Protein backbone atom coordinates (compact mmCIF):
# COMPACT_ATOMS: atom_id res chain seq x y z
CA MET A 1 6.29 -28.67 -9.18
CA ASP A 2 8.30 -27.04 -6.42
CA PHE A 3 8.32 -23.28 -6.57
CA ILE A 4 10.66 -20.95 -4.71
CA ILE A 5 9.25 -17.97 -2.80
CA LYS A 6 11.48 -14.98 -2.23
CA ASN A 7 10.51 -12.11 0.09
CA ASN A 8 13.10 -9.50 -0.82
CA CYS A 9 14.06 -7.40 -3.82
CA LEU A 10 17.65 -8.62 -4.21
CA ASN A 11 18.69 -9.60 -7.74
CA ILE A 12 15.27 -8.97 -9.32
CA ASP A 13 15.22 -8.15 -13.03
CA TRP A 14 13.07 -5.02 -12.92
CA ASN A 15 12.81 -4.80 -16.70
CA TYR A 16 11.24 -8.28 -16.61
CA VAL A 17 8.83 -7.22 -13.84
CA SER A 18 7.84 -4.15 -15.84
CA GLN A 19 7.36 -6.18 -19.02
CA THR A 20 5.33 -8.84 -17.19
CA LEU A 21 2.97 -6.23 -15.73
CA ARG A 22 2.53 -4.73 -19.20
CA ASN A 23 1.92 -8.16 -20.74
CA VAL A 24 -0.85 -9.02 -18.27
CA GLY A 25 -2.53 -5.63 -18.79
CA MET A 26 -1.56 -4.06 -15.50
CA ALA A 27 0.79 -1.20 -14.57
CA ASN A 28 2.72 0.39 -17.39
CA PHE A 29 5.67 2.13 -15.75
CA ALA A 30 9.40 2.06 -16.36
CA ALA A 31 11.46 -0.58 -14.57
CA ASP A 32 12.98 1.89 -12.10
CA ILE A 33 9.50 3.02 -11.00
CA HIS A 34 8.46 -0.59 -10.29
CA GLN A 35 11.72 -1.17 -8.44
CA LYS A 36 11.10 1.83 -6.20
CA ALA A 37 7.48 0.76 -5.57
CA PHE A 38 8.49 -2.78 -4.55
CA GLU A 39 11.45 -1.62 -2.47
CA ASN A 40 9.21 0.82 -0.58
CA SER A 41 6.57 -1.83 0.13
CA HIS A 42 5.95 -3.52 3.48
CA THR A 43 5.82 -7.02 1.97
CA VAL A 44 7.07 -8.35 -1.36
CA VAL A 45 6.64 -11.83 -2.79
CA PHE A 46 8.43 -13.21 -5.84
CA VAL A 47 7.77 -16.77 -7.03
CA PHE A 48 10.30 -18.65 -9.15
CA ASP A 49 10.17 -21.87 -11.12
CA GLU A 50 13.83 -22.72 -10.69
CA GLU A 51 15.43 -19.42 -11.83
CA LYS A 52 12.48 -18.12 -13.85
CA LEU A 53 10.36 -15.41 -12.19
CA ILE A 54 6.77 -16.53 -12.73
CA GLY A 55 4.74 -14.38 -10.36
CA PHE A 56 4.93 -11.60 -7.82
CA GLY A 57 2.99 -9.18 -5.66
CA ARG A 58 3.39 -6.63 -2.91
CA ALA A 59 1.59 -4.96 -0.04
CA ILE A 60 1.89 -1.49 1.39
CA SER A 61 0.90 -1.25 5.02
CA ASP A 62 1.18 0.45 8.38
CA GLY A 63 1.99 -3.05 9.66
CA VAL A 64 -0.66 -2.72 12.35
CA TYR A 65 -4.20 -2.85 10.96
CA GLN A 66 -4.36 -1.69 7.32
CA ALA A 67 -2.75 -2.95 4.12
CA ALA A 68 -3.31 -2.74 0.38
CA LEU A 69 -2.22 -5.32 -2.18
CA TYR A 70 -0.76 -4.28 -5.52
CA ASP A 71 0.87 -5.70 -8.62
CA ILE A 72 -0.31 -9.27 -8.08
CA ALA A 73 0.70 -10.90 -11.35
CA VAL A 74 1.33 -14.43 -12.62
CA LEU A 75 2.62 -15.32 -16.06
CA PRO A 76 -0.32 -16.55 -18.18
CA GLU A 77 1.23 -19.99 -18.72
CA TYR A 78 1.42 -20.48 -14.92
CA GLN A 79 -2.07 -19.23 -14.08
CA GLY A 80 -4.37 -21.85 -12.61
CA LYS A 81 -1.49 -23.66 -10.87
CA GLY A 82 -1.85 -22.10 -7.42
CA ILE A 83 0.81 -19.41 -7.87
CA GLY A 84 -1.55 -16.48 -7.29
CA ARG A 85 -2.94 -18.19 -4.19
CA MET A 86 0.63 -18.75 -2.99
CA ILE A 87 1.43 -15.03 -3.42
CA ILE A 88 -1.75 -13.90 -1.62
CA ASN A 89 -1.28 -16.41 1.22
CA SER A 90 2.30 -15.27 1.73
CA ILE A 91 1.20 -11.64 1.95
CA VAL A 92 -1.70 -12.47 4.29
CA LYS A 93 0.64 -14.44 6.55
CA SER A 94 2.99 -11.46 6.81
CA LEU A 95 0.13 -9.13 7.85
CA PRO A 96 -1.99 -11.30 10.17
CA MET A 97 -3.83 -8.49 11.97
CA CYS A 98 -4.47 -6.27 8.95
CA ASN A 99 -7.53 -5.52 6.91
CA LEU A 100 -6.51 -6.07 3.29
CA ILE A 101 -7.85 -4.16 0.31
CA LEU A 102 -7.10 -4.40 -3.40
CA TYR A 103 -8.58 -3.64 -6.75
CA ALA A 104 -8.66 -6.61 -9.07
CA SER A 105 -8.08 -6.52 -12.78
CA PRO A 106 -11.47 -6.73 -14.50
CA GLY A 107 -12.40 -10.38 -14.89
CA LYS A 108 -10.23 -11.54 -11.98
CA GLU A 109 -12.71 -10.77 -9.20
CA LYS A 110 -13.78 -14.43 -8.79
CA PHE A 111 -10.17 -15.44 -8.07
CA TYR A 112 -10.06 -13.07 -5.10
CA GLU A 113 -13.55 -14.05 -3.94
CA ARG A 114 -12.33 -17.68 -3.71
CA LEU A 115 -9.64 -16.35 -1.32
CA ASN A 116 -12.34 -14.74 0.89
CA PHE A 117 -12.03 -11.18 -0.43
CA ARG A 118 -15.40 -9.43 -0.70
CA LYS A 119 -16.56 -6.54 -2.85
CA MET A 120 -16.73 -3.23 -1.01
CA ASN A 121 -19.88 -1.13 -1.17
CA THR A 122 -18.11 2.14 -0.47
CA GLY A 123 -14.68 1.77 -2.08
CA MET A 124 -13.51 4.87 -3.89
CA ALA A 125 -10.42 5.81 -5.91
CA LEU A 126 -8.81 8.96 -7.19
CA PHE A 127 -6.65 7.88 -10.15
CA GLN A 128 -4.05 10.04 -11.86
CA LYS A 129 -5.24 8.72 -15.24
CA ALA A 130 -8.96 8.41 -14.50
CA SER A 131 -10.02 8.06 -18.14
CA ASP A 132 -7.58 5.16 -18.66
CA MET A 133 -8.92 3.37 -15.58
CA LYS A 134 -12.50 3.87 -16.76
CA GLU A 135 -11.61 2.57 -20.22
CA LYS A 136 -9.98 -0.53 -18.67
CA GLY A 137 -13.10 -1.24 -16.60
CA PHE A 138 -11.83 -0.31 -13.14
CA THR A 139 -14.25 2.59 -12.54
CA GLU A 140 -17.67 3.78 -13.59
């Protein structure tokens, strides 16, 4: 399979992005919120199978030495086919000198460990909806 990687936000169906994130148990915001988040990001990656959007992700960064990855998502029927790795590798390539941090969806930690991410001993978060994040398994 040949997949197409796109690194800009032109002609993206933001309702589809929003629905995909909801379907995979991630962010639950309106389409315009996701659009703004992606458009304000340092790096965006969208992966297509022909014209079908099958995965995406983004990084916010100072572009010098720090970056954080967000909204890494692949449609369930395409998981295990290297799409997530393709998204991460594209982001890493765009930020070659940066430390990269992320928080993985519970149960997806091993995927990131295979890509050389390591658990942090001192990572902390201040979430707007702390009880939701605790319930979903992100925090203690």
